[in-house]
Amino acid sequence: MSVVTNQQFFEKVNRAFIEGDINFLADHVAEDVVWMMYGNKSVGREEFINCVKEMGMGNDTTVVLTIENLIASGNAVALKGKMHTNTEAGDEKIYTYCDIYELENEGSGKIKELTSFILDVKG
């Protein structure tokens, strides 16, 4: 994938997380995908999808996503951004995050590994 294609692809991936687009995500992860997040590790496509479902995105949650930086090199991409949302009580929550992706190989469109870091910056 070229850098431009990577940027477009990973913008779609991030939008899919926010919108809860399970089908898009399922189509773009490898069968043996590894996701490391918050000190947890999930292995395999089914467990990956279950983790996304547990996040509850795309339901009644409104999240505004801003991608601040995307750096691509070969089959690896690092993406940094912010998420803005409101609690049920109407309080604003802001998170900053960094996702590091590795594709199976350049041009595959299948995520082999994902490492996620997230910090609550306003809550």
PDB file of N, CA and C in Angstrom:
ATOM      1  N   MET A   1       0.843  -1.183   0.000  1.00  0.00           N
ATOM      2  CA  MET A   1       0.000   0.000   0.000  1.00  0.00           C
ATOM      3  C   MET A   1       0.885   1.241   0.000  1.00  0.00           C
ATOM      4  N   SER A   2       0.503   2.215  -0.749  1.00  0.00           N
ATOM      5  CA  SER A   2       1.227   3.477  -0.714  1.00  0.00           C
ATOM      6  C   SER A   2       0.820   4.243   0.533  1.00  0.00           C
ATOM      7  N   VAL A   3       1.576   5.284   0.867  1.00  0.00           N
ATOM      8  CA  VAL A   3       1.256   6.084   2.047  1.00  0.00           C
ATOM      9  C   VAL A   3      -0.142   6.679   1.931  1.00  0.00           C
ATOM     10  N   VAL A   4      -0.501   7.192   0.745  1.00  0.00           N
ATOM     11  CA  VAL A   4      -1.837   7.775   0.555  1.00  0.00           C
ATOM     12  C   VAL A   4      -2.899   6.704   0.755  1.00  0.00           C
ATOM     13  N   THR A   5      -2.704   5.539   0.164  1.00  0.00           N
ATOM     14  CA  THR A   5      -3.666   4.448   0.316  1.00  0.00           C
ATOM     15  C   THR A   5      -3.735   4.020   1.782  1.00  0.00           C
ATOM     16  N   ASN A   6      -2.586   3.924   2.453  1.00  0.00           N
ATOM     17  CA  ASN A   6      -2.582   3.593   3.881  1.00  0.00           C
ATOM     18  C   ASN A   6      -3.396   4.597   4.666  1.00  0.00           C
ATOM     19  N   GLN A   7      -3.197   5.877   4.394  1.00  0.00           N
ATOM     20  CA  GLN A   7      -3.917   6.908   5.136  1.00  0.00           C
ATOM     21  C   GLN A   7      -5.418   6.750   4.943  1.00  0.00           C
ATOM     22  N   GLN A   8      -5.860   6.575   3.732  1.00  0.00           N
ATOM     23  CA  GLN A   8      -7.291   6.411   3.460  1.00  0.00           C
ATOM     24  C   GLN A   8      -7.825   5.147   4.123  1.00  0.00           C
ATOM     25  N   PHE A   9      -7.079   4.056   4.004  1.00  0.00           N
ATOM     26  CA  PHE A   9      -7.499   2.785   4.590  1.00  0.00           C
ATOM     27  C   PHE A   9      -7.633   2.905   6.108  1.00  0.00           C
ATOM     28  N   PHE A  10      -6.630   3.480   6.763  1.00  0.00           N
ATOM     29  CA  PHE A  10      -6.662   3.537   8.218  1.00  0.00           C
ATOM     30  C   PHE A  10      -7.637   4.583   8.745  1.00  0.00           C
ATOM     31  N   GLU A  11      -7.944   5.590   7.951  1.00  0.00           N
ATOM     32  CA  GLU A  11      -9.040   6.488   8.316  1.00  0.00           C
ATOM     33  C   GLU A  11     -10.348   5.705   8.304  1.00  0.00           C
ATOM     34  N   LYS A  12     -10.522   4.825   7.324  1.00  0.00           N
ATOM     35  CA  LYS A  12     -11.728   3.980   7.273  1.00  0.00           C
ATOM     36  C   LYS A  12     -11.758   3.004   8.448  1.00  0.00           C
ATOM     37  N   VAL A  13     -10.602   2.427   8.788  1.00  0.00           N
ATOM     38  CA  VAL A  13     -10.530   1.502   9.922  1.00  0.00           C
ATOM     39  C   VAL A  13     -10.942   2.220  11.204  1.00  0.00           C
ATOM     40  N   ASN A  14     -10.404   3.411  11.443  1.00  0.00           N
ATOM     41  CA  ASN A  14     -10.747   4.161  12.649  1.00  0.00           C
ATOM     42  C   ASN A  14     -12.220   4.543  12.671  1.00  0.00           C
ATOM     43  N   ARG A  15     -12.756   4.937  11.516  1.00  0.00           N
ATOM     44  CA  ARG A  15     -14.185   5.250  11.431  1.00  0.00           C
ATOM     45  C   ARG A  15     -15.019   4.004  11.740  1.00  0.00           C
ATOM     46  N   ALA A  16     -14.564   2.846  11.260  1.00  0.00           N
ATOM     47  CA  ALA A  16     -15.289   1.595  11.510  1.00  0.00           C
ATOM     48  C   ALA A  16     -15.339   1.274  13.004  1.00  0.00           C
ATOM     49  N   PHE A  17     -14.233   1.518  13.729  1.00  0.00           N
ATOM     50  CA  PHE A  17     -14.242   1.322  15.185  1.00  0.00           C
ATOM     51  C   PHE A  17     -15.282   2.228  15.833  1.00  0.00           C
ATOM     52  N   ILE A  18     -15.277   3.507  15.471  1.00  0.00           N
ATOM     53  CA  ILE A  18     -16.173   4.494  16.073  1.00  0.00           C
ATOM     54  C   ILE A  18     -17.628   4.192  15.748  1.00  0.00           C
ATOM     55  N   GLU A  19     -17.887   3.773  14.504  1.00  0.00           N
ATOM     56  CA  GLU A  19     -19.259   3.517  14.060  1.00  0.00           C
ATOM     57  C   GLU A  19     -19.738   2.117  14.407  1.00  0.00           C
ATOM     58  N   GLY A  20     -18.836   1.274  14.935  1.00  0.00           N
ATOM     59  CA  GLY A  20     -19.204  -0.103  15.252  1.00  0.00           C
ATOM     60  C   GLY A  20     -19.451  -0.936  14.013  1.00  0.00           C
ATOM     61  N   ASP A  21     -18.714  -0.654  12.937  1.00  0.00           N
ATOM     62  CA  ASP A  21     -18.871  -1.375  11.667  1.00  0.00           C
ATOM     63  C   ASP A  21     -18.104  -2.697  11.724  1.00  0.00           C
ATOM     64  N   ILE A  22     -18.728  -3.672  12.375  1.00  0.00           N
ATOM     65  CA  ILE A  22     -18.118  -4.978  12.601  1.00  0.00           C
ATOM     66  C   ILE A  22     -17.763  -5.655  11.282  1.00  0.00           C
ATOM     67  N   ASN A  23     -18.631  -5.556  10.290  1.00  0.00           N
ATOM     68  CA  ASN A  23     -18.381  -6.228   9.009  1.00  0.00           C
ATOM     69  C   ASN A  23     -17.119  -5.708   8.338  1.00  0.00           C
ATOM     70  N   PHE A  24     -16.930  -4.384   8.316  1.00  0.00           N
ATOM     71  CA  PHE A  24     -15.721  -3.819   7.707  1.00  0.00           C
ATOM     72  C   PHE A  24     -14.486  -4.315   8.444  1.00  0.00           C
ATOM     73  N   LEU A  25     -14.527  -4.247   9.771  1.00  0.00           N
ATOM     74  CA  LEU A  25     -13.369  -4.688  10.557  1.00  0.00           C
ATOM     75  C   LEU A  25     -13.090  -6.168  10.353  1.00  0.00           C
ATOM     76  N   ALA A  26     -14.132  -6.995  10.368  1.00  0.00           N
ATOM     77  CA  ALA A  26     -13.951  -8.440  10.175  1.00  0.00           C
ATOM     78  C   ALA A  26     -13.328  -8.748   8.824  1.00  0.00           C
ATOM     79  N   ASP A  27     -13.693  -7.962   7.816  1.00  0.00           N
ATOM     80  CA  ASP A  27     -13.142  -8.169   6.471  1.00  0.00           C
ATOM     81  C   ASP A  27     -11.691  -7.733   6.354  1.00  0.00           C
ATOM     82  N   HIS A  28     -11.198  -6.939   7.311  1.00  0.00           N
ATOM     83  CA  HIS A  28      -9.864  -6.357   7.166  1.00  0.00           C
ATOM     84  C   HIS A  28      -8.884  -6.742   8.273  1.00  0.00           C
ATOM     85  N   VAL A  29      -9.180  -7.844   8.972  1.00  0.00           N
ATOM     86  CA  VAL A  29      -8.212  -8.382   9.921  1.00  0.00           C
ATOM     87  C   VAL A  29      -7.877  -9.815   9.516  1.00  0.00           C
ATOM     88  N   ALA A  30      -6.636 -10.200   9.792  1.00  0.00           N
ATOM     89  CA  ALA A  30      -6.185 -11.564   9.502  1.00  0.00           C
ATOM     90  C   ALA A  30      -6.850 -12.545  10.468  1.00  0.00           C
ATOM     91  N   GLU A  31      -6.927 -13.787  10.077  1.00  0.00           N
ATOM     92  CA  GLU A  31      -7.519 -14.820  10.944  1.00  0.00           C
ATOM     93  C   GLU A  31      -6.792 -14.916  12.282  1.00  0.00           C
ATOM     94  N   ASP A  32      -5.478 -14.702  12.266  1.00  0.00           N
ATOM     95  CA  ASP A  32      -4.681 -14.829  13.482  1.00  0.00           C
ATOM     96  C   ASP A  32      -4.267 -13.470  14.046  1.00  0.00           C
ATOM     97  N   VAL A  33      -5.091 -12.444  13.823  1.00  0.00           N
ATOM     98  CA  VAL A  33      -4.790 -11.087  14.278  1.00  0.00           C
ATOM     99  C   VAL A  33      -4.510 -11.069  15.777  1.00  0.00           C
ATOM    100  N   VAL A  34      -3.570 -10.225  16.177  1.00  0.00           N
ATOM    101  CA  VAL A  34      -3.238 -10.034  17.587  1.00  0.00           C
ATOM    102  C   VAL A  34      -3.516  -8.569  17.916  1.00  0.00           C
ATOM    103  N   TRP A  35      -4.314  -8.326  18.980  1.00  0.00           N
ATOM    104  CA  TRP A  35      -4.625  -6.961  19.419  1.00  0.00           C
ATOM    105  C   TRP A  35      -4.200  -6.822  20.867  1.00  0.00           C
ATOM    106  N   MET A  36      -3.241  -5.939  21.109  1.00  0.00           N
ATOM    107  CA  MET A  36      -2.766  -5.664  22.457  1.00  0.00           C
ATOM    108  C   MET A  36      -3.292  -4.294  22.857  1.00  0.00           C
ATOM    109  N   MET A  37      -4.073  -4.275  23.965  1.00  0.00           N
ATOM    110  CA  MET A  37      -4.703  -3.037  24.397  1.00  0.00           C
ATOM    111  C   MET A  37      -4.845  -3.054  25.919  1.00  0.00           C
ATOM    112  N   TYR A  38      -4.487  -1.948  26.556  1.00  0.00           N
ATOM    113  CA  TYR A  38      -4.660  -1.808  28.010  1.00  0.00           C
ATOM    114  C   TYR A  38      -4.039  -2.954  28.798  1.00  0.00           C
ATOM    115  N   GLY A  39      -2.962  -3.499  28.308  1.00  0.00           N
ATOM    116  CA  GLY A  39      -2.344  -4.618  29.000  1.00  0.00           C
ATOM    117  C   GLY A  39      -3.035  -5.938  28.706  1.00  0.00           C
ATOM    118  N   ASN A  40      -4.083  -5.912  27.900  1.00  0.00           N
ATOM    119  CA  ASN A  40      -4.775  -7.138  27.500  1.00  0.00           C
ATOM    120  C   ASN A  40      -4.318  -7.539  26.107  1.00  0.00           C
ATOM    121  N   LYS A  41      -4.504  -8.786  25.807  1.00  0.00           N
ATOM    122  CA  LYS A  41      -4.115  -9.285  24.494  1.00  0.00           C
ATOM    123  C   LYS A  41      -5.211 -10.209  23.987  1.00  0.00           C
ATOM    124  N   SER A  42      -5.674  -9.938  22.780  1.00  0.00           N
ATOM    125  CA  SER A  42      -6.629 -10.853  22.162  1.00  0.00           C
ATOM    126  C   SER A  42      -5.969 -11.441  20.925  1.00  0.00           C
ATOM    127  N   VAL A  43      -6.244 -12.693  20.677  1.00  0.00           N
ATOM    128  CA  VAL A  43      -5.648 -13.384  19.533  1.00  0.00           C
ATOM    129  C   VAL A  43      -6.754 -14.024  18.726  1.00  0.00           C
ATOM    130  N   GLY A  44      -6.726 -13.784  17.441  1.00  0.00           N
ATOM    131  CA  GLY A  44      -7.692 -14.399  16.546  1.00  0.00           C
ATOM    132  C   GLY A  44      -8.813 -13.447  16.170  1.00  0.00           C
ATOM    133  N   ARG A  45      -9.322 -13.674  14.996  1.00  0.00           N
ATOM    134  CA  ARG A  45     -10.349 -12.806  14.421  1.00  0.00           C
ATOM    135  C   ARG A  45     -11.617 -12.743  15.274  1.00  0.00           C
ATOM    136  N   GLU A  46     -12.089 -13.907  15.737  1.00  0.00           N
ATOM    137  CA  GLU A  46     -13.323 -13.952  16.520  1.00  0.00           C
ATOM    138  C   GLU A  46     -13.180 -13.176  17.834  1.00  0.00           C
ATOM    139  N   GLU A  47     -12.059 -13.351  18.514  1.00  0.00           N
ATOM    140  CA  GLU A  47     -11.836 -12.636  19.773  1.00  0.00           C
ATOM    141  C   GLU A  47     -11.693 -11.130  19.515  1.00  0.00           C
ATOM    142  N   PHE A  48     -11.046 -10.758  18.414  1.00  0.00           N
ATOM    143  CA  PHE A  48     -10.921  -9.359  18.019  1.00  0.00           C
ATOM    144  C   PHE A  48     -12.306  -8.738  17.853  1.00  0.00           C
ATOM    145  N   ILE A  49     -13.169  -9.407  17.106  1.00  0.00           N
ATOM    146  CA  ILE A  49     -14.522  -8.906  16.854  1.00  0.00           C
ATOM    147  C   ILE A  49     -15.310  -8.818  18.157  1.00  0.00           C
ATOM    148  N   ASN A  50     -15.169  -9.800  19.039  1.00  0.00           N
ATOM    149  CA  ASN A  50     -15.859  -9.751  20.333  1.00  0.00           C
ATOM    150  C   ASN A  50     -15.415  -8.544  21.157  1.00  0.00           C
ATOM    151  N   CYS A  51     -14.125  -8.217  21.121  1.00  0.00           N
ATOM    152  CA  CYS A  51     -13.620  -7.037  21.839  1.00  0.00           C
ATOM    153  C   CYS A  51     -14.228  -5.762  21.271  1.00  0.00           C
ATOM    154  N   VAL A  52     -14.328  -5.672  19.950  1.00  0.00           N
ATOM    155  CA  VAL A  52     -14.927  -4.484  19.324  1.00  0.00           C
ATOM    156  C   VAL A  52     -16.386  -4.358  19.744  1.00  0.00           C
ATOM    157  N   LYS A  53     -17.111  -5.467  19.754  1.00  0.00           N
ATOM    158  CA  LYS A  53     -18.521  -5.446  20.161  1.00  0.00           C
ATOM    159  C   LYS A  53     -18.664  -4.983  21.603  1.00  0.00           C
ATOM    160  N   GLU A  54     -17.765  -5.440  22.483  1.00  0.00           N
ATOM    161  CA  GLU A  54     -17.820  -5.055  23.895  1.00  0.00           C
ATOM    162  C   GLU A  54     -17.602  -3.560  24.083  1.00  0.00           C
ATOM    163  N   MET A  55     -16.884  -2.917  23.161  1.00  0.00           N
ATOM    164  CA  MET A  55     -16.652  -1.474  23.251  1.00  0.00           C
ATOM    165  C   MET A  55     -17.958  -0.706  23.086  1.00  0.00           C
ATOM    166  N   GLY A  56     -18.954  -1.310  22.422  1.00  0.00           N
ATOM    167  CA  GLY A  56     -20.268  -0.705  22.289  1.00  0.00           C
ATOM    168  C   GLY A  56     -20.324   0.512  21.393  1.00  0.00           C
ATOM    169  N   MET A  57     -19.340   0.681  20.546  1.00  0.00           N
ATOM    170  CA  MET A  57     -19.342   1.836  19.648  1.00  0.00           C
ATOM    171  C   MET A  57     -20.421   1.677  18.591  1.00  0.00           C
ATOM    172  N   GLY A  58     -20.901   2.786  18.097  1.00  0.00           N
ATOM    173  CA  GLY A  58     -21.886   2.756  17.029  1.00  0.00           C
ATOM    174  C   GLY A  58     -23.308   2.583  17.521  1.00  0.00           C
ATOM    175  N   ASN A  59     -23.487   2.323  18.806  1.00  0.00           N
ATOM    176  CA  ASN A  59     -24.844   2.164  19.331  1.00  0.00           C
ATOM    177  C   ASN A  59     -25.444   3.545  19.534  1.00  0.00           C
ATOM    178  N   ASP A  60     -25.633   3.937  20.781  1.00  0.00           N
ATOM    179  CA  ASP A  60     -26.164   5.266  21.085  1.00  0.00           C
ATOM    180  C   ASP A  60     -25.044   6.240  21.426  1.00  0.00           C
ATOM    181  N   THR A  61     -23.818   5.810  21.236  1.00  0.00           N
ATOM    182  CA  THR A  61     -22.668   6.625  21.592  1.00  0.00           C
ATOM    183  C   THR A  61     -22.281   7.520  20.420  1.00  0.00           C
ATOM    184  N   THR A  62     -22.135   8.818  20.690  1.00  0.00           N
ATOM    185  CA  THR A  62     -21.653   9.729  19.669  1.00  0.00           C
ATOM    186  C   THR A  62     -20.204  10.060  19.994  1.00  0.00           C
ATOM    187  N   VAL A  63     -19.316   9.713  19.088  1.00  0.00           N
ATOM    188  CA  VAL A  63     -17.894   9.961  19.274  1.00  0.00           C
ATOM    189  C   VAL A  63     -17.393  10.754  18.074  1.00  0.00           C
ATOM    190  N   VAL A  64     -16.697  11.847  18.354  1.00  0.00           N
ATOM    191  CA  VAL A  64     -16.065  12.628  17.296  1.00  0.00           C
ATOM    192  C   VAL A  64     -14.589  12.263  17.295  1.00  0.00           C
ATOM    193  N   LEU A  65     -14.121  11.792  16.171  1.00  0.00           N
ATOM    194  CA  LEU A  65     -12.753  11.306  16.029  1.00  0.00           C
ATOM    195  C   LEU A  65     -11.935  12.306  15.233  1.00  0.00           C
ATOM    196  N   THR A  66     -10.743  12.619  15.728  1.00  0.00           N
ATOM    197  CA  THR A  66      -9.808  13.469  15.009  1.00  0.00           C
ATOM    198  C   THR A  66      -8.492  12.717  14.883  1.00  0.00           C
ATOM    199  N   ILE A  67      -8.062  12.468  13.657  1.00  0.00           N
ATOM    200  CA  ILE A  67      -6.764  11.848  13.427  1.00  0.00           C
ATOM    201  C   ILE A  67      -5.755  12.975  13.276  1.00  0.00           C
ATOM    202  N   GLU A  68      -4.777  12.999  14.176  1.00  0.00           N
ATOM    203  CA  GLU A  68      -3.793  14.082  14.186  1.00  0.00           C
ATOM    204  C   GLU A  68      -2.551  13.745  13.370  1.00  0.00           C
ATOM    205  N   ASN A  69      -2.067  12.531  13.480  1.00  0.00           N
ATOM    206  CA  ASN A  69      -0.858  12.105  12.760  1.00  0.00           C
ATOM    207  C   ASN A  69      -1.023  10.679  12.275  1.00  0.00           C
ATOM    208  N   LEU A  70      -0.499  10.420  11.101  1.00  0.00           N
ATOM    209  CA  LEU A  70      -0.441   9.065  10.569  1.00  0.00           C
ATOM    210  C   LEU A  70       0.921   8.921   9.917  1.00  0.00           C
ATOM    211  N   ILE A  71       1.687   7.946  10.387  1.00  0.00           N
ATOM    212  CA  ILE A  71       3.021   7.706   9.853  1.00  0.00           C
ATOM    213  C   ILE A  71       3.048   6.285   9.321  1.00  0.00           C
ATOM    214  N   ALA A  72       3.418   6.132   8.057  1.00  0.00           N
ATOM    215  CA  ALA A  72       3.442   4.814   7.424  1.00  0.00           C
ATOM    216  C   ALA A  72       4.851   4.496   6.948  1.00  0.00           C
ATOM    217  N   SER A  73       5.225   3.243   7.132  1.00  0.00           N
ATOM    218  CA  SER A  73       6.513   2.760   6.638  1.00  0.00           C
ATOM    219  C   SER A  73       6.355   1.287   6.308  1.00  0.00           C
ATOM    220  N   GLY A  74       6.458   0.958   5.028  1.00  0.00           N
ATOM    221  CA  GLY A  74       6.289  -0.435   4.624  1.00  0.00           C
ATOM    222  C   GLY A  74       4.910  -0.928   4.991  1.00  0.00           C
ATOM    223  N   ASN A  75       4.851  -2.005   5.778  1.00  0.00           N
ATOM    224  CA  ASN A  75       3.553  -2.566   6.156  1.00  0.00           C
ATOM    225  C   ASN A  75       3.131  -2.163   7.574  1.00  0.00           C
ATOM    226  N   ALA A  76       3.774  -1.111   8.114  1.00  0.00           N
ATOM    227  CA  ALA A  76       3.433  -0.645   9.464  1.00  0.00           C
ATOM    228  C   ALA A  76       2.916   0.793   9.413  1.00  0.00           C
ATOM    229  N   VAL A  77       1.951   1.074  10.289  1.00  0.00           N
ATOM    230  CA  VAL A  77       1.359   2.407  10.376  1.00  0.00           C
ATOM    231  C   VAL A  77       1.168   2.757  11.848  1.00  0.00           C
ATOM    232  N   ALA A  78       1.544   3.987  12.217  1.00  0.00           N
ATOM    233  CA  ALA A  78       1.265   4.511  13.551  1.00  0.00           C
ATOM    234  C   ALA A  78       0.307   5.677  13.372  1.00  0.00           C
ATOM    235  N   LEU A  79      -0.724   5.689  14.181  1.00  0.00           N
ATOM    236  CA  LEU A  79      -1.762   6.696  14.047  1.00  0.00           C
ATOM    237  C   LEU A  79      -2.051   7.279  15.420  1.00  0.00           C
ATOM    238  N   LYS A  80      -2.063   8.612  15.528  1.00  0.00           N
ATOM    239  CA  LYS A  80      -2.358   9.289  16.790  1.00  0.00           C
ATOM    240  C   LYS A  80      -3.561  10.190  16.596  1.00  0.00           C
ATOM    241  N   GLY A  81      -4.444  10.197  17.580  1.00  0.00           N
ATOM    242  CA  GLY A  81      -5.626  11.033  17.447  1.00  0.00           C
ATOM    243  C   GLY A  81      -6.316  11.285  18.762  1.00  0.00           C
ATOM    244  N   LYS A  82      -7.491  11.922  18.662  1.00  0.00           N
ATOM    245  CA  LYS A  82      -8.321  12.214  19.834  1.00  0.00           C
ATOM    246  C   LYS A  82      -9.747  11.773  19.574  1.00  0.00           C
ATOM    247  N   MET A  83     -10.425  11.410  20.652  1.00  0.00           N
ATOM    248  CA  MET A  83     -11.842  11.068  20.604  1.00  0.00           C
ATOM    249  C   MET A  83     -12.562  11.940  21.617  1.00  0.00           C
ATOM    250  N   HIS A  84     -13.637  12.581  21.179  1.00  0.00           N
ATOM    251  CA  HIS A  84     -14.477  13.396  22.050  1.00  0.00           C
ATOM    252  C   HIS A  84     -15.838  12.721  22.145  1.00  0.00           C
ATOM    253  N   THR A  85     -16.358  12.599  23.368  1.00  0.00           N
ATOM    254  CA  THR A  85     -17.679  12.027  23.579  1.00  0.00           C
ATOM    255  C   THR A  85     -18.273  12.641  24.841  1.00  0.00           C
ATOM    256  N   ASN A  86     -19.511  12.333  25.105  1.00  0.00           N
ATOM    257  CA  ASN A  86     -20.180  12.793  26.325  1.00  0.00           C
ATOM    258  C   ASN A  86     -20.682  11.589  27.105  1.00  0.00           C
ATOM    259  N   THR A  87     -20.642  11.706  28.420  1.00  0.00           N
ATOM    260  CA  THR A  87     -21.183  10.647  29.271  1.00  0.00           C
ATOM    261  C   THR A  87     -22.705  10.740  29.250  1.00  0.00           C
ATOM    262  N   GLU A  88     -23.367   9.769  29.858  1.00  0.00           N
ATOM    263  CA  GLU A  88     -24.831   9.804  29.946  1.00  0.00           C
ATOM    264  C   GLU A  88     -25.304  11.035  30.711  1.00  0.00           C
ATOM    265  N   ALA A  89     -24.462  11.527  31.633  1.00  0.00           N
ATOM    266  CA  ALA A  89     -24.810  12.721  32.416  1.00  0.00           C
ATOM    267  C   ALA A  89     -24.521  14.008  31.637  1.00  0.00           C
ATOM    268  N   GLY A  90     -23.960  13.882  30.433  1.00  0.00           N
ATOM    269  CA  GLY A  90     -23.687  15.051  29.611  1.00  0.00           C
ATOM    270  C   GLY A  90     -22.303  15.653  29.788  1.00  0.00           C
ATOM    271  N   ASP A  91     -21.465  15.022  30.600  1.00  0.00           N
ATOM    272  CA  ASP A  91     -20.103  15.510  30.800  1.00  0.00           C
ATOM    273  C   ASP A  91     -19.224  15.146  29.602  1.00  0.00           C
ATOM    274  N   GLU A  92     -18.384  16.085  29.196  1.00  0.00           N
ATOM    275  CA  GLU A  92     -17.487  15.842  28.064  1.00  0.00           C
ATOM    276  C   GLU A  92     -16.326  14.941  28.493  1.00  0.00           C
ATOM    277  N   LYS A  93     -16.001  13.985  27.626  1.00  0.00           N
ATOM    278  CA  LYS A  93     -14.850  13.102  27.824  1.00  0.00           C
ATOM    279  C   LYS A  93     -13.957  13.264  26.597  1.00  0.00           C
ATOM    280  N   ILE A  94     -12.660  13.390  26.841  1.00  0.00           N
ATOM    281  CA  ILE A  94     -11.701  13.459  25.746  1.00  0.00           C
ATOM    282  C   ILE A  94     -10.612  12.425  25.999  1.00  0.00           C
ATOM    283  N   TYR A  95     -10.334  11.646  24.985  1.00  0.00           N
ATOM    284  CA  TYR A  95      -9.284  10.642  25.058  1.00  0.00           C
ATOM    285  C   TYR A  95      -8.284  10.915  23.939  1.00  0.00           C
ATOM    286  N   THR A  96      -7.025  10.679  24.216  1.00  0.00           N
ATOM    287  CA  THR A  96      -6.023  10.690  23.164  1.00  0.00           C
ATOM    288  C   THR A  96      -5.573   9.238  22.994  1.00  0.00           C
ATOM    289  N   TYR A  97      -5.281   8.860  21.766  1.00  0.00           N
ATOM    290  CA  TYR A  97      -4.922   7.473  21.529  1.00  0.00           C
ATOM    291  C   TYR A  97      -3.815   7.362  20.487  1.00  0.00           C
ATOM    292  N   CYS A  98      -3.154   6.235  20.527  1.00  0.00           N
ATOM    293  CA  CYS A  98      -2.163   5.888  19.517  1.00  0.00           C
ATOM    294  C   CYS A  98      -2.383   4.423  19.166  1.00  0.00           C
ATOM    295  N   ASP A  99      -2.571   4.151  17.899  1.00  0.00           N
ATOM    296  CA  ASP A  99      -2.706   2.782  17.403  1.00  0.00           C
ATOM    297  C   ASP A  99      -1.534   2.496  16.472  1.00  0.00           C
ATOM    298  N   ILE A 100      -0.917   1.355  16.671  1.00  0.00           N
ATOM    299  CA  ILE A 100       0.170   0.921  15.803  1.00  0.00           C
ATOM    300  C   ILE A 100      -0.297  -0.357  15.113  1.00  0.00           C
ATOM    301  N   TYR A 101      -0.369  -0.286  13.802  1.00  0.00           N
ATOM    302  CA  TYR A 101      -0.864  -1.396  12.995  1.00  0.00           C
ATOM    303  C   TYR A 101       0.266  -2.043  12.211  1.00  0.00           C
ATOM    304  N   GLU A 102       0.155  -3.347  12.032  1.00  0.00           N
ATOM    305  CA  GLU A 102       1.034  -4.052  11.113  1.00  0.00           C
ATOM    306  C   GLU A 102       0.152  -4.870  10.184  1.00  0.00           C
ATOM    307  N   LEU A 103       0.351  -4.695   8.889  1.00  0.00           N
ATOM    308  CA  LEU A 103      -0.407  -5.460   7.905  1.00  0.00           C
ATOM    309  C   LEU A 103       0.300  -6.785   7.644  1.00  0.00           C
ATOM    310  N   GLU A 104      -0.468  -7.778   7.159  1.00  0.00           N
ATOM    311  CA  GLU A 104       0.145  -9.071   6.818  1.00  0.00           C
ATOM    312  C   GLU A 104       1.313  -8.861   5.863  1.00  0.00           C
ATOM    313  N   ASN A 105       1.080  -8.067   4.840  1.00  0.00           N
ATOM    314  CA  ASN A 105       2.134  -7.648   3.913  1.00  0.00           C
ATOM    315  C   ASN A 105       1.615  -6.433   3.174  1.00  0.00           C
ATOM    316  N   GLU A 106       2.509  -5.686   2.564  1.00  0.00           N
ATOM    317  CA  GLU A 106       2.088  -4.473   1.871  1.00  0.00           C
ATOM    318  C   GLU A 106       1.034  -4.800   0.827  1.00  0.00           C
ATOM    319  N   GLY A 107      -0.020  -4.027   0.832  1.00  0.00           N
ATOM    320  CA  GLY A 107      -1.073  -4.200  -0.159  1.00  0.00           C
ATOM    321  C   GLY A 107      -2.117  -5.243   0.200  1.00  0.00           C
ATOM    322  N   SER A 108      -1.946  -5.942   1.335  1.00  0.00           N
ATOM    323  CA  SER A 108      -2.884  -7.021   1.676  1.00  0.00           C
ATOM    324  C   SER A 108      -4.231  -6.486   2.154  1.00  0.00           C
ATOM    325  N   GLY A 109      -4.232  -5.328   2.821  1.00  0.00           N
ATOM    326  CA  GLY A 109      -5.474  -4.807   3.390  1.00  0.00           C
ATOM    327  C   GLY A 109      -5.962  -5.607   4.578  1.00  0.00           C
ATOM    328  N   LYS A 110      -5.098  -6.469   5.137  1.00  0.00           N
ATOM    329  CA  LYS A 110      -5.449  -7.278   6.306  1.00  0.00           C
ATOM    330  C   LYS A 110      -4.524  -6.922   7.459  1.00  0.00           C
ATOM    331  N   ILE A 111      -5.128  -6.554   8.577  1.00  0.00           N
ATOM    332  CA  ILE A 111      -4.369  -6.184   9.760  1.00  0.00           C
ATOM    333  C   ILE A 111      -3.932  -7.450  10.481  1.00  0.00           C
ATOM    334  N   LYS A 112      -2.622  -7.554  10.695  1.00  0.00           N
ATOM    335  CA  LYS A 112      -2.048  -8.715  11.369  1.00  0.00           C
ATOM    336  C   LYS A 112      -1.886  -8.456  12.864  1.00  0.00           C
ATOM    337  N   GLU A 113      -1.514  -7.203  13.195  1.00  0.00           N
ATOM    338  CA  GLU A 113      -1.284  -6.863  14.589  1.00  0.00           C
ATOM    339  C   GLU A 113      -1.706  -5.419  14.845  1.00  0.00           C
ATOM    340  N   LEU A 114      -2.275  -5.196  16.018  1.00  0.00           N
ATOM    341  CA  LEU A 114      -2.695  -3.865  16.435  1.00  0.00           C
ATOM    342  C   LEU A 114      -2.317  -3.691  17.902  1.00  0.00           C
ATOM    343  N   THR A 115      -1.589  -2.611  18.181  1.00  0.00           N
ATOM    344  CA  THR A 115      -1.260  -2.249  19.554  1.00  0.00           C
ATOM    345  C   THR A 115      -1.902  -0.895  19.817  1.00  0.00           C
ATOM    346  N   SER A 116      -2.713  -0.798  20.879  1.00  0.00           N
ATOM    347  CA  SER A 116      -3.468   0.423  21.172  1.00  0.00           C
ATOM    348  C   SER A 116      -3.115   0.975  22.537  1.00  0.00           C
ATOM    349  N   PHE A 117      -2.906   2.301  22.577  1.00  0.00           N
ATOM    350  CA  PHE A 117      -2.687   3.028  23.817  1.00  0.00           C
ATOM    351  C   PHE A 117      -3.749   4.114  23.878  1.00  0.00           C
ATOM    352  N   ILE A 118      -4.394   4.285  25.028  1.00  0.00           N
ATOM    353  CA  ILE A 118      -5.406   5.307  25.171  1.00  0.00           C
ATOM    354  C   ILE A 118      -5.291   5.967  26.539  1.00  0.00           C
ATOM    355  N   LEU A 119      -5.419   7.292  26.547  1.00  0.00           N
ATOM    356  CA  LEU A 119      -5.352   8.058  27.793  1.00  0.00           C
ATOM    357  C   LEU A 119      -6.565   8.942  27.915  1.00  0.00           C
ATOM    358  N   ASP A 120      -7.125   9.008  29.101  1.00  0.00           N
ATOM    359  CA  ASP A 120      -8.238   9.892  29.403  1.00  0.00           C
ATOM    360  C   ASP A 120      -7.636  11.260  29.728  1.00  0.00           C
ATOM    361  N   VAL A 121      -7.849  12.253  28.868  1.00  0.00           N
ATOM    362  CA  VAL A 121      -7.252  13.569  29.097  1.00  0.00           C
ATOM    363  C   VAL A 121      -8.244  14.574  29.668  1.00  0.00           C
ATOM    364  N   LYS A 122      -9.531  14.245  29.612  1.00  0.00           N
ATOM    365  CA  LYS A 122     -10.528  15.094  30.256  1.00  0.00           C
ATOM    366  C   LYS A 122     -11.693  14.215  30.683  1.00  0.00           C
ATOM    367  N   GLY A 123     -11.905  14.129  31.948  1.00  0.00           N
ATOM    368  CA  GLY A 123     -12.994  13.303  32.414  1.00  0.00           C
ATOM    369  C   GLY A 123     -13.223  13.535  33.817  1.00  0.00           C
TER     370      GLY A 123
END
